[in-house]
Amino acid sequence: MFKPEGIIPAMVTPLTIDSEMNESALRKLTNYLTAGGVHGLFAMGSQEEFWAFSKDEKQYVWEIVVEETNRRVPVGPLSHDQRERLRDVLHGMKLI
């Protein structure tokens, strides 16, 4: 069971010039933070950008971050909506 302790940053979601999610930059950022010794990650969180993405886009970001961590650290979603957070957590559990 995950015990929240240590460094667990809320990640920014990198965007392209066209305001699309930048997958390559997201993968690099995930690996950079994980290699830097964080104890977990919150996807889509540091700029509260989760409100601007569709459900499918949020799940895709979640999938990329979970895939890139390769189970090295736990990944959690951020959202204002409790039901949405629960849906994202359940989706994430299917990925690991």
C-alpha atoms as a PDB file:
ATOM      1  CA  MET A   1       0.000   0.000   0.000  1.00  0.00           C
ATOM      2  CA  PHE A   2       1.207   3.488  -0.859  1.00  0.00           C
ATOM      3  CA  LYS A   3       2.287   5.568   2.113  1.00  0.00           C
ATOM      4  CA  PRO A   4       2.430   9.254   1.122  1.00  0.00           C
ATOM      5  CA  GLU A   5       5.830  10.562   2.143  1.00  0.00           C
ATOM      6  CA  GLY A   6       8.820  12.225   0.549  1.00  0.00           C
ATOM      7  CA  ILE A   7       8.723  14.256  -2.633  1.00  0.00           C
ATOM      8  CA  ILE A   8       5.548  13.885  -4.724  1.00  0.00           C
ATOM      9  CA  PRO A   9       5.384  16.746  -7.235  1.00  0.00           C
ATOM     10  CA  ALA A  10       2.359  17.831  -9.210  1.00  0.00           C
ATOM     11  CA  MET A  11       3.557  17.646 -12.815  1.00  0.00           C
ATOM     12  CA  VAL A  12       2.977  20.282 -15.435  1.00  0.00           C
ATOM     13  CA  THR A  13       1.543  18.896 -18.672  1.00  0.00           C
ATOM     14  CA  PRO A  14       3.829  20.094 -21.496  1.00  0.00           C
ATOM     15  CA  LEU A  15       1.978  21.574 -24.469  1.00  0.00           C
ATOM     16  CA  THR A  16       2.885  22.221 -28.077  1.00  0.00           C
ATOM     17  CA  ILE A  17       2.588  25.671 -29.650  1.00  0.00           C
ATOM     18  CA  ASP A  18      -0.930  24.579 -30.725  1.00  0.00           C
ATOM     19  CA  SER A  19      -1.944  23.831 -27.103  1.00  0.00           C
ATOM     20  CA  GLU A  20      -1.895  20.073 -27.670  1.00  0.00           C
ATOM     21  CA  MET A  21      -0.284  17.726 -25.162  1.00  0.00           C
ATOM     22  CA  ASN A  22       3.404  17.275 -26.051  1.00  0.00           C
ATOM     23  CA  GLU A  23       3.871  13.527 -25.604  1.00  0.00           C
ATOM     24  CA  SER A  24       7.633  13.500 -26.127  1.00  0.00           C
ATOM     25  CA  ALA A  25       8.185  16.263 -23.565  1.00  0.00           C
ATOM     26  CA  LEU A  26       5.817  14.547 -21.106  1.00  0.00           C
ATOM     27  CA  ARG A  27       7.776  11.306 -21.374  1.00  0.00           C
ATOM     28  CA  LYS A  28      11.066  13.158 -20.859  1.00  0.00           C
ATOM     29  CA  LEU A  29       9.688  15.069 -17.860  1.00  0.00           C
ATOM     30  CA  THR A  30       8.332  11.879 -16.272  1.00  0.00           C
ATOM     31  CA  ASN A  31      11.705  10.153 -16.605  1.00  0.00           C
ATOM     32  CA  TYR A  32      13.607  13.229 -15.428  1.00  0.00           C
ATOM     33  CA  LEU A  33      11.526  13.515 -12.253  1.00  0.00           C
ATOM     34  CA  THR A  34      11.603   9.781 -11.574  1.00  0.00           C
ATOM     35  CA  ALA A  35      15.381   9.590 -12.092  1.00  0.00           C
ATOM     36  CA  GLY A  36      15.730  12.598  -9.798  1.00  0.00           C
ATOM     37  CA  GLY A  37      14.462  10.595  -6.865  1.00  0.00           C
ATOM     38  CA  VAL A  38      10.833  11.597  -6.401  1.00  0.00           C
ATOM     39  CA  HIS A  39       8.665   9.253  -4.344  1.00  0.00           C
ATOM     40  CA  GLY A  40       5.574   9.622  -6.527  1.00  0.00           C
ATOM     41  CA  LEU A  41       3.980  11.850  -9.170  1.00  0.00           C
ATOM     42  CA  PHE A  42       0.679  13.656  -9.607  1.00  0.00           C
ATOM     43  CA  ALA A  43      -0.182  13.811 -13.296  1.00  0.00           C
ATOM     44  CA  MET A  44      -1.856  16.957 -14.717  1.00  0.00           C
ATOM     45  CA  GLY A  45      -1.484  19.044 -11.675  1.00  0.00           C
ATOM     46  CA  SER A  46       0.924  21.888 -11.223  1.00  0.00           C
ATOM     47  CA  GLN A  47      -0.968  24.443 -13.325  1.00  0.00           C
ATOM     48  CA  GLU A  48      -4.443  22.982 -12.708  1.00  0.00           C
ATOM     49  CA  GLU A  49      -4.603  22.242 -16.417  1.00  0.00           C
ATOM     50  CA  PHE A  50      -6.855  19.216 -15.897  1.00  0.00           C
ATOM     51  CA  TRP A  51      -9.980  21.364 -16.410  1.00  0.00           C
ATOM     52  CA  ALA A  52      -8.914  22.170 -20.003  1.00  0.00           C
ATOM     53  CA  PHE A  53      -8.562  18.562 -21.200  1.00  0.00           C
ATOM     54  CA  SER A  54     -11.233  16.081 -22.244  1.00  0.00           C
ATOM     55  CA  LYS A  55     -11.729  12.807 -20.377  1.00  0.00           C
ATOM     56  CA  ASP A  56      -9.869  10.934 -23.132  1.00  0.00           C
ATOM     57  CA  GLU A  57      -6.974  13.400 -23.114  1.00  0.00           C
ATOM     58  CA  LYS A  58      -6.641  13.112 -19.336  1.00  0.00           C
ATOM     59  CA  GLN A  59      -6.623   9.331 -19.530  1.00  0.00           C
ATOM     60  CA  TYR A  60      -3.981   9.453 -22.258  1.00  0.00           C
ATOM     61  CA  VAL A  61      -1.739  11.678 -20.108  1.00  0.00           C
ATOM     62  CA  TRP A  62      -2.300   9.296 -17.204  1.00  0.00           C
ATOM     63  CA  GLU A  63      -1.390   6.295 -19.388  1.00  0.00           C
ATOM     64  CA  ILE A  64       1.836   7.916 -20.590  1.00  0.00           C
ATOM     65  CA  VAL A  65       2.989   8.847 -17.088  1.00  0.00           C
ATOM     66  CA  VAL A  66       2.156   5.401 -15.680  1.00  0.00           C
ATOM     67  CA  GLU A  67       3.913   3.708 -18.619  1.00  0.00           C
ATOM     68  CA  GLU A  68       7.016   5.880 -18.329  1.00  0.00           C
ATOM     69  CA  THR A  69       7.417   5.352 -14.583  1.00  0.00           C
ATOM     70  CA  ASN A  70       7.478   1.599 -15.218  1.00  0.00           C
ATOM     71  CA  ARG A  71       6.274   1.071 -11.623  1.00  0.00           C
ATOM     72  CA  ARG A  72       9.292   2.897 -10.188  1.00  0.00           C
ATOM     73  CA  VAL A  73       6.978   5.318  -8.335  1.00  0.00           C
ATOM     74  CA  PRO A  74       3.214   5.580  -7.772  1.00  0.00           C
ATOM     75  CA  VAL A  75       1.233   7.976  -9.963  1.00  0.00           C
ATOM     76  CA  GLY A  76      -1.863   9.842  -8.839  1.00  0.00           C
ATOM     77  CA  PRO A  77      -4.341  12.026 -10.729  1.00  0.00           C
ATOM     78  CA  LEU A  78      -5.400  15.535  -9.746  1.00  0.00           C
ATOM     79  CA  SER A  79      -8.866  16.946 -10.332  1.00  0.00           C
ATOM     80  CA  HIS A  80     -11.479  19.121  -8.661  1.00  0.00           C
ATOM     81  CA  ASP A  81     -14.066  16.404  -9.222  1.00  0.00           C
ATOM     82  CA  GLN A  82     -13.950  13.504  -6.758  1.00  0.00           C
ATOM     83  CA  ARG A  83     -15.761  11.111  -9.120  1.00  0.00           C
ATOM     84  CA  GLU A  84     -13.317  11.973 -11.894  1.00  0.00           C
ATOM     85  CA  ARG A  85     -10.333  11.302  -9.604  1.00  0.00           C
ATOM     86  CA  LEU A  86     -11.777   7.933  -8.626  1.00  0.00           C
ATOM     87  CA  ARG A  87     -12.379   7.052 -12.298  1.00  0.00           C
ATOM     88  CA  ASP A  88      -8.781   8.004 -13.109  1.00  0.00           C
ATOM     89  CA  VAL A  89      -7.401   5.940 -10.221  1.00  0.00           C
ATOM     90  CA  LEU A  90      -9.426   2.907 -11.319  1.00  0.00           C
ATOM     91  CA  HIS A  91      -8.244   3.415 -14.910  1.00  0.00           C
ATOM     92  CA  GLY A  92      -4.656   3.652 -13.681  1.00  0.00           C
ATOM     93  CA  MET A  93      -4.978   0.432 -11.697  1.00  0.00           C
ATOM     94  CA  LYS A  94      -5.777  -1.375 -14.943  1.00  0.00           C
ATOM     95  CA  LEU A  95      -2.475  -0.134 -16.382  1.00  0.00           C
ATOM     96  CA  ILE A  96      -0.230  -1.658 -13.727  1.00  0.00           C
END
